[in-house]
């Protein structure tokens, strides 16, 4: 677990409305009846980067195929198979990507909060900041499952930087 003092929060944020594949939209929330919902993280490392940071809620095999085909077209790799254990009749697959990064970065889902009218998913893209650079071109990505719902899903990716100066 990272020491909270070793993280500098930056003001860089991306908010995505996620209905199938992601698109940008402003959103207002009433937090009166919010409750945390379970995220089942699926580990797989580097992967999805159509162009930059993005988040998507995949509700069907067809939506997965569209995302996989887009990734394949951008990377030249063959389309990816659906991760084992995904059952769209019970779950929604959340996919988040930090976009291509020239140095070691990581991306994690922090929380999923269900409100009266929508679900908000929060993720953090951790960049090296002042830490020694570890050249590793790649795309930090993460997957998670949440219970099936008809509510719209909004995803926010916050960018933070590690602080290795020891201050």
Foldseek 3Di string as FASTA:
>chain_A
DDDPVQKDFDPDKAKWWADLFTDGDDDDDDCPPKDFFDKAWDDDWFDAALPAKGKYWHLDPVSLQVRQVSRCVRPVDHRDDDDPPDDSVWKIKMKIKGHKDQFDKAKDWDTWMDDPAAIETEMEIEAAPPHPTDGDITMHMIMIITTDDPHIYMYMYTYMYGHPPVD
